[in-house]
């Protein structure tokens, strides 16, 4: 009579090592994908926050009454007095916001405004927005 346990296909050490190696490869790939996804999400969050800071400054400048905001719409380069700022524009963050106002571009009475928000992530990054504002009561 034949021994029922002999040749019944039990796992060998080689098979166990192969299974362990396959598992390690899959787990390593998933780990690398998770790290890359986390970094991409963080970079996206920072870019979105910087874009919001650019838009906030543009909207703030657009809301000014041209008749009363002469000095605030004067041509020049400006730095946010709160720098460095956080995602909500409050002091103490990692973002630097600056803007440049150029006069009479593209027509007399118009101001070209370029707002930039920069930060390190770990290399330097910048988000820029451009708009045009009327610096007098009516612009043609």
N, C-alpha and C. Protein backbone atom coordinates (compact mmCIF):
# COMPACT_ATOMS: atom_id res chain seq x y z
N UNK A 1 0.83 -1.16 0.00
CA UNK A 1 0.00 0.00 0.00
C UNK A 1 0.88 1.24 0.00
N UNK A 2 0.45 2.22 -0.66
CA UNK A 2 1.20 3.46 -0.83
C UNK A 2 0.94 4.41 0.34
N UNK A 3 1.99 5.16 0.77
CA UNK A 3 1.86 6.11 1.85
C UNK A 3 1.09 7.33 1.33
N UNK A 4 -0.06 7.69 1.93
CA UNK A 4 -0.85 8.79 1.40
C UNK A 4 -0.17 10.15 1.53
N UNK A 5 0.77 10.29 2.40
CA UNK A 5 1.46 11.57 2.57
C UNK A 5 2.63 11.74 1.62
N UNK A 6 3.13 10.70 1.07
CA UNK A 6 4.29 10.78 0.18
C UNK A 6 3.86 11.39 -1.14
N UNK A 7 4.57 12.46 -1.58
CA UNK A 7 4.29 13.10 -2.87
C UNK A 7 2.96 13.79 -2.90
N UNK A 8 2.45 14.23 -1.78
CA UNK A 8 1.14 14.87 -1.76
C UNK A 8 1.20 16.36 -2.10
N UNK A 9 2.34 16.82 -2.51
CA UNK A 9 2.44 18.21 -2.95
C UNK A 9 2.59 19.21 -1.83
N UNK A 10 3.21 18.89 -0.76
CA UNK A 10 3.45 19.84 0.31
C UNK A 10 4.42 20.94 -0.13
N UNK A 11 4.40 22.09 0.56
CA UNK A 11 5.27 23.21 0.21
C UNK A 11 6.70 22.92 0.60
N UNK A 12 7.58 23.31 -0.30
CA UNK A 12 9.00 23.17 -0.01
C UNK A 12 9.56 24.53 0.37
N UNK A 13 10.75 24.52 0.87
CA UNK A 13 11.43 25.77 1.24
C UNK A 13 11.61 26.67 0.04
N UNK A 14 11.91 26.12 -1.12
CA UNK A 14 12.12 26.91 -2.33
C UNK A 14 10.82 27.62 -2.73
N UNK A 15 9.71 26.90 -2.66
CA UNK A 15 8.43 27.52 -3.01
C UNK A 15 8.09 28.65 -2.05
N UNK A 16 8.36 28.45 -0.77
CA UNK A 16 8.08 29.49 0.23
C UNK A 16 8.94 30.72 -0.02
N UNK A 17 10.21 30.52 -0.38
CA UNK A 17 11.09 31.66 -0.68
C UNK A 17 10.64 32.41 -1.93
N UNK A 18 10.18 31.68 -2.95
CA UNK A 18 9.68 32.31 -4.17
C UNK A 18 8.44 33.14 -3.85
N UNK A 19 7.53 32.59 -3.08
CA UNK A 19 6.32 33.32 -2.69
C UNK A 19 6.67 34.57 -1.90
N UNK A 20 7.63 34.46 -1.00
CA UNK A 20 8.07 35.60 -0.22
C UNK A 20 8.70 36.67 -1.11
N UNK A 21 9.48 36.26 -2.10
CA UNK A 21 10.11 37.22 -3.02
C UNK A 21 9.05 37.95 -3.85
N UNK A 22 8.05 37.22 -4.33
CA UNK A 22 6.96 37.85 -5.11
C UNK A 22 6.21 38.85 -4.23
N UNK A 23 5.91 38.46 -3.02
CA UNK A 23 5.22 39.36 -2.10
C UNK A 23 6.05 40.62 -1.84
N UNK A 24 7.36 40.45 -1.64
CA UNK A 24 8.23 41.61 -1.38
C UNK A 24 8.26 42.56 -2.58
N UNK A 25 8.29 42.01 -3.79
CA UNK A 25 8.27 42.86 -4.99
C UNK A 25 6.97 43.65 -5.10
N UNK A 26 5.86 43.00 -4.88
CA UNK A 26 4.56 43.67 -4.96
C UNK A 26 4.44 44.73 -3.86
N UNK A 27 4.82 44.37 -2.65
CA UNK A 27 4.73 45.32 -1.53
C UNK A 27 5.66 46.51 -1.76
N UNK A 28 6.84 46.27 -2.30
CA UNK A 28 7.76 47.38 -2.59
C UNK A 28 7.21 48.31 -3.65
N UNK A 29 6.61 47.75 -4.68
CA UNK A 29 5.99 48.57 -5.72
C UNK A 29 4.84 49.39 -5.19
N UNK A 30 4.00 48.78 -4.36
CA UNK A 30 2.88 49.51 -3.77
C UNK A 30 3.38 50.61 -2.82
N UNK A 31 4.43 50.33 -2.10
CA UNK A 31 4.99 51.33 -1.20
C UNK A 31 5.53 52.52 -1.97
N UNK A 32 6.24 52.26 -3.06
CA UNK A 32 6.78 53.35 -3.88
C UNK A 32 5.65 54.17 -4.51
N UNK A 33 4.60 53.49 -4.96
CA UNK A 33 3.46 54.20 -5.55
C UNK A 33 2.76 55.06 -4.51
N UNK A 34 2.66 54.57 -3.29
CA UNK A 34 2.03 55.34 -2.22
C UNK A 34 2.84 56.59 -1.89
N UNK A 35 4.15 56.46 -1.82
CA UNK A 35 5.01 57.61 -1.54
C UNK A 35 4.90 58.64 -2.67
N UNK A 36 4.93 58.20 -3.92
CA UNK A 36 4.82 59.12 -5.06
C UNK A 36 3.47 59.81 -5.06
N UNK A 37 2.41 59.09 -4.75
CA UNK A 37 1.07 59.67 -4.70
C UNK A 37 0.95 60.71 -3.59
N UNK A 38 1.53 60.42 -2.45
CA UNK A 38 1.50 61.36 -1.33
C UNK A 38 2.25 62.64 -1.68
N UNK A 39 3.41 62.51 -2.31
CA UNK A 39 4.17 63.70 -2.73
C UNK A 39 3.40 64.52 -3.75
N UNK A 40 2.78 63.85 -4.71
CA UNK A 40 2.02 64.57 -5.74
C UNK A 40 0.82 65.29 -5.12
N UNK A 41 0.16 64.67 -4.17
CA UNK A 41 -0.97 65.32 -3.49
C UNK A 41 -0.53 66.54 -2.71
N UNK A 42 0.60 66.45 -2.03
CA UNK A 42 1.11 67.59 -1.27
C UNK A 42 1.50 68.73 -2.21
N UNK A 43 2.16 68.41 -3.32
CA UNK A 43 2.54 69.44 -4.30
C UNK A 43 1.29 70.10 -4.87
N UNK A 44 0.26 69.33 -5.17
CA UNK A 44 -0.99 69.87 -5.69
C UNK A 44 -1.66 70.79 -4.67
N UNK A 45 -1.63 70.41 -3.42
CA UNK A 45 -2.20 71.23 -2.36
C UNK A 45 -1.48 72.57 -2.27
N UNK A 46 -0.16 72.55 -2.35
CA UNK A 46 0.61 73.80 -2.26
C UNK A 46 0.38 74.70 -3.47
N UNK A 47 0.29 74.11 -4.65
CA UNK A 47 0.03 74.90 -5.86
C UNK A 47 -1.36 75.53 -5.78
N UNK A 48 -2.34 74.79 -5.32
CA UNK A 48 -3.70 75.32 -5.18
C UNK A 48 -3.74 76.47 -4.17
N UNK A 49 -3.02 76.32 -3.06
CA UNK A 49 -2.98 77.38 -2.05
C UNK A 49 -2.31 78.62 -2.62
N UNK A 50 -1.23 78.45 -3.37
CA UNK A 50 -0.54 79.60 -3.97
C UNK A 50 -1.44 80.29 -4.99
N UNK A 51 -2.16 79.52 -5.79
CA UNK A 51 -3.08 80.10 -6.77
C UNK A 51 -4.18 80.89 -6.06
N UNK A 52 -4.66 80.39 -4.95
CA UNK A 52 -5.68 81.11 -4.18
C UNK A 52 -5.12 82.42 -3.63
N UNK A 53 -3.87 82.41 -3.17
CA UNK A 53 -3.25 83.64 -2.67
C UNK A 53 -3.08 84.67 -3.79
N UNK A 54 -2.74 84.21 -5.00
CA UNK A 54 -2.65 85.11 -6.16
C UNK A 54 -4.01 85.72 -6.43
N UNK A 55 -5.04 84.88 -6.50
CA UNK A 55 -6.39 85.38 -6.78
C UNK A 55 -6.90 86.31 -5.70
N UNK A 56 -6.58 86.03 -4.45
CA UNK A 56 -6.99 86.92 -3.35
C UNK A 56 -6.43 88.32 -3.54
N UNK A 57 -5.15 88.42 -3.89
CA UNK A 57 -4.54 89.74 -4.07
C UNK A 57 -5.14 90.46 -5.28
N UNK A 58 -5.36 89.70 -6.37
CA UNK A 58 -5.97 90.31 -7.56
C UNK A 58 -7.36 90.85 -7.22
N UNK A 59 -8.16 90.08 -6.51
CA UNK A 59 -9.50 90.54 -6.15
C UNK A 59 -9.45 91.72 -5.19
N UNK A 60 -8.49 91.72 -4.30
CA UNK A 60 -8.32 92.85 -3.38
C UNK A 60 -8.02 94.13 -4.17
N UNK A 61 -7.12 94.04 -5.14
CA UNK A 61 -6.78 95.21 -5.95
C UNK A 61 -7.94 95.64 -6.84
N UNK A 62 -8.68 94.68 -7.37
CA UNK A 62 -9.84 95.01 -8.21
C UNK A 62 -10.94 95.71 -7.42
N UNK A 63 -11.03 95.42 -6.13
CA UNK A 63 -12.10 96.01 -5.31
C UNK A 63 -11.81 97.45 -4.91
N UNK A 64 -10.61 97.94 -5.16
CA UNK A 64 -10.26 99.32 -4.79
C UNK A 64 -10.97 100.32 -5.68
N UNK A 65 -11.40 101.40 -5.08
CA UNK A 65 -11.99 102.51 -5.85
C UNK A 65 -10.83 103.29 -6.48
N UNK A 66 -10.77 103.36 -7.81
CA UNK A 66 -9.66 104.05 -8.47
C UNK A 66 -9.49 105.50 -8.03
N UNK A 67 -10.57 106.15 -7.67
CA UNK A 67 -10.48 107.56 -7.26
C UNK A 67 -9.82 107.72 -5.89
N UNK A 68 -9.90 106.68 -5.07
CA UNK A 68 -9.36 106.76 -3.71
C UNK A 68 -8.08 105.96 -3.51
N UNK A 69 -7.73 105.13 -4.48
CA UNK A 69 -6.61 104.21 -4.29
C UNK A 69 -5.40 104.58 -5.12
N UNK A 70 -5.17 105.85 -5.33
CA UNK A 70 -4.06 106.28 -6.17
C UNK A 70 -2.73 105.66 -5.80
N UNK A 71 -2.36 105.74 -4.53
CA UNK A 71 -1.06 105.22 -4.10
C UNK A 71 -1.00 103.70 -4.19
N UNK A 72 -2.13 103.01 -3.95
CA UNK A 72 -2.14 101.55 -3.99
C UNK A 72 -2.09 101.01 -5.41
N UNK A 73 -2.45 101.85 -6.38
CA UNK A 73 -2.40 101.42 -7.77
C UNK A 73 -1.27 102.10 -8.54
N UNK A 74 -0.38 102.76 -7.81
CA UNK A 74 0.75 103.43 -8.45
C UNK A 74 1.72 102.38 -9.01
N UNK A 75 2.30 102.66 -10.16
CA UNK A 75 3.28 101.72 -10.71
C UNK A 75 4.43 101.47 -9.74
N UNK A 76 4.87 100.23 -9.69
CA UNK A 76 5.97 99.86 -8.81
C UNK A 76 5.92 98.39 -8.45
N UNK A 77 6.87 97.98 -7.63
CA UNK A 77 6.94 96.60 -7.14
C UNK A 77 6.62 96.61 -5.66
N UNK A 78 5.74 95.70 -5.26
CA UNK A 78 5.26 95.65 -3.88
C UNK A 78 5.48 94.26 -3.29
N UNK A 79 5.68 94.23 -1.98
CA UNK A 79 5.84 92.98 -1.24
C UNK A 79 4.79 92.94 -0.15
N UNK A 80 4.15 91.83 0.02
CA UNK A 80 3.14 91.69 1.06
C UNK A 80 3.78 91.95 2.42
N UNK A 81 3.24 92.87 3.20
CA UNK A 81 3.84 93.17 4.51
C UNK A 81 3.75 92.02 5.50
N UNK A 82 2.90 91.04 5.22
CA UNK A 82 2.74 89.89 6.12
C UNK A 82 3.74 88.78 5.82
N UNK A 83 4.52 88.88 4.74
CA UNK A 83 5.44 87.81 4.33
C UNK A 83 6.36 87.37 5.45
N UNK A 84 6.65 86.07 5.52
CA UNK A 84 6.04 84.97 4.77
C UNK A 84 4.64 84.68 5.30
N UNK A 85 3.75 84.25 4.39
CA UNK A 85 2.36 84.03 4.74
C UNK A 85 2.00 82.54 4.59
N UNK A 86 0.90 82.17 5.25
CA UNK A 86 0.41 80.80 5.12
C UNK A 86 -0.69 80.74 4.05
N UNK A 87 -1.37 79.62 3.96
CA UNK A 87 -2.38 79.41 2.92
C UNK A 87 -3.54 80.38 3.00
N UNK A 88 -3.79 80.95 4.18
CA UNK A 88 -4.90 81.88 4.34
C UNK A 88 -4.45 83.34 4.28
N UNK A 89 -3.17 83.57 4.02
CA UNK A 89 -2.66 84.93 3.94
C UNK A 89 -2.21 85.52 5.27
N UNK A 90 -2.21 84.70 6.29
CA UNK A 90 -1.77 85.14 7.62
C UNK A 90 -0.26 84.98 7.75
N UNK A 91 0.38 85.79 8.60
CA UNK A 91 1.84 85.69 8.77
C UNK A 91 2.26 84.35 9.34
N UNK A 92 3.51 83.98 9.05
CA UNK A 92 4.09 82.79 9.63
C UNK A 92 4.07 81.56 8.76
N UNK A 93 3.84 81.71 7.48
CA UNK A 93 3.79 80.55 6.60
C UNK A 93 5.06 80.38 5.80
N UNK A 94 4.93 79.76 4.64
CA UNK A 94 6.08 79.49 3.78
C UNK A 94 6.00 80.20 2.43
N UNK A 95 4.93 80.94 2.19
CA UNK A 95 4.73 81.61 0.90
C UNK A 95 5.17 83.07 0.95
N UNK A 96 5.73 83.55 -0.15
CA UNK A 96 6.11 84.96 -0.31
C UNK A 96 5.27 85.52 -1.45
N UNK A 97 4.54 86.61 -1.19
CA UNK A 97 3.68 87.21 -2.22
C UNK A 97 4.20 88.59 -2.59
N UNK A 98 4.37 88.80 -3.88
CA UNK A 98 4.80 90.10 -4.41
C UNK A 98 3.92 90.43 -5.62
N UNK A 99 3.87 91.70 -5.97
CA UNK A 99 3.15 92.10 -7.17
C UNK A 99 3.81 93.32 -7.78
N UNK A 100 3.68 93.41 -9.09
CA UNK A 100 4.22 94.53 -9.86
C UNK A 100 3.06 95.20 -10.59
N UNK A 101 3.05 96.52 -10.52
CA UNK A 101 2.04 97.30 -11.22
C UNK A 101 2.75 98.16 -12.25
N UNK A 102 2.34 98.00 -13.50
CA UNK A 102 2.91 98.79 -14.60
C UNK A 102 1.82 99.74 -15.09
N UNK A 103 2.18 101.00 -15.24
CA UNK A 103 1.20 102.02 -15.63
C UNK A 103 1.04 102.17 -17.13
N UNK A 104 -0.19 102.52 -17.52
CA UNK A 104 -0.54 102.82 -18.91
C UNK A 104 -0.22 101.67 -19.86
N UNK A 105 -0.44 100.45 -19.40
CA UNK A 105 -0.25 99.27 -20.25
C UNK A 105 -1.54 98.47 -20.20
N UNK A 106 -2.17 98.19 -21.26
CA UNK A 106 -1.85 98.42 -22.67
C UNK A 106 -2.38 99.75 -23.19
N UNK A 107 -3.06 100.54 -22.32
CA UNK A 107 -3.61 101.83 -22.77
C UNK A 107 -3.54 102.81 -21.61
N UNK A 108 -3.61 104.10 -21.91
CA UNK A 108 -3.58 105.10 -20.83
C UNK A 108 -4.70 104.85 -19.81
N UNK A 109 -4.33 104.93 -18.55
CA UNK A 109 -5.29 104.74 -17.47
C UNK A 109 -5.42 103.30 -16.99
N UNK A 110 -4.87 102.38 -17.75
CA UNK A 110 -4.90 100.98 -17.33
C UNK A 110 -3.60 100.62 -16.61
N UNK A 111 -3.71 99.69 -15.69
CA UNK A 111 -2.55 99.17 -14.98
C UNK A 111 -2.47 97.67 -15.21
N UNK A 112 -1.29 97.22 -15.60
CA UNK A 112 -1.05 95.79 -15.70
C UNK A 112 -0.49 95.32 -14.37
N UNK A 113 -1.13 94.33 -13.76
CA UNK A 113 -0.72 93.83 -12.45
C UNK A 113 -0.30 92.37 -12.59
N UNK A 114 0.91 92.08 -12.12
CA UNK A 114 1.43 90.71 -12.11
C UNK A 114 1.67 90.33 -10.66
N UNK A 115 0.92 89.34 -10.19
CA UNK A 115 1.04 88.87 -8.81
C UNK A 115 1.76 87.53 -8.83
N UNK A 116 2.77 87.39 -7.95
CA UNK A 116 3.52 86.14 -7.85
C UNK A 116 3.53 85.66 -6.41
N UNK A 117 3.33 84.36 -6.26
CA UNK A 117 3.48 83.71 -4.96
C UNK A 117 4.54 82.63 -5.13
N UNK A 118 5.57 82.68 -4.29
CA UNK A 118 6.67 81.73 -4.39
C UNK A 118 6.84 80.99 -3.07
N UNK A 119 7.45 79.80 -3.17
CA UNK A 119 7.76 78.97 -2.01
C UNK A 119 8.78 77.92 -2.43
N UNK A 120 9.35 77.23 -1.47
CA UNK A 120 10.30 76.14 -1.74
C UNK A 120 9.63 74.82 -1.45
N UNK A 121 9.80 73.86 -2.39
CA UNK A 121 9.06 72.59 -2.27
C UNK A 121 9.82 71.39 -2.80
N UNK A 122 10.98 70.98 -2.47
CA UNK A 122 12.09 71.70 -1.85
C UNK A 122 12.79 72.63 -2.82
N UNK A 123 12.49 72.51 -4.11
CA UNK A 123 13.06 73.46 -5.06
C UNK A 123 12.12 74.66 -5.18
N UNK A 124 12.62 75.81 -5.64
CA UNK A 124 11.78 77.01 -5.73
C UNK A 124 10.60 76.81 -6.70
N UNK A 125 9.44 77.27 -6.28
CA UNK A 125 8.22 77.21 -7.09
C UNK A 125 7.58 78.59 -7.13
N UNK A 126 6.86 78.87 -8.22
CA UNK A 126 6.19 80.17 -8.37
C UNK A 126 4.87 79.97 -9.09
N UNK A 127 3.82 80.64 -8.60
CA UNK A 127 2.55 80.73 -9.31
C UNK A 127 2.34 82.21 -9.62
N UNK A 128 1.97 82.51 -10.87
CA UNK A 128 1.83 83.89 -11.33
C UNK A 128 0.43 84.12 -11.89
N UNK A 129 -0.10 85.29 -11.61
CA UNK A 129 -1.38 85.71 -12.18
C UNK A 129 -1.24 87.11 -12.72
N UNK A 130 -1.94 87.40 -13.82
CA UNK A 130 -1.86 88.71 -14.46
C UNK A 130 -3.28 89.24 -14.65
N UNK A 131 -3.47 90.52 -14.39
CA UNK A 131 -4.75 91.17 -14.63
C UNK A 131 -4.50 92.62 -15.03
N UNK A 132 -5.55 93.28 -15.47
CA UNK A 132 -5.50 94.70 -15.83
C UNK A 132 -6.54 95.43 -15.01
N UNK A 133 -6.16 96.58 -14.47
CA UNK A 133 -7.05 97.38 -13.64
C UNK A 133 -7.16 98.80 -14.19
N UNK A 134 -8.31 99.38 -13.99
CA UNK A 134 -8.51 100.77 -14.38
C UNK A 134 -8.04 101.65 -13.22
N UNK A 135 -7.20 102.61 -13.51
CA UNK A 135 -6.66 103.49 -12.46
C UNK A 135 -7.36 104.84 -12.45
N UNK A 136 -8.47 104.98 -13.16
CA UNK A 136 -9.27 106.19 -13.14
C UNK A 136 -10.73 105.78 -13.14
N UNK A 137 -11.62 106.74 -13.03
CA UNK A 137 -13.04 106.43 -12.91
C UNK A 137 -13.56 105.56 -14.05
N UNK A 138 -13.19 105.87 -15.28
CA UNK A 138 -13.66 105.12 -16.43
C UNK A 138 -12.48 104.82 -17.34
N UNK A 139 -12.49 103.63 -17.87
CA UNK A 139 -11.47 103.24 -18.84
C UNK A 139 -12.18 102.87 -20.14
N UNK A 140 -11.56 103.25 -21.24
CA UNK A 140 -12.17 102.95 -22.53
C UNK A 140 -11.72 101.62 -23.05
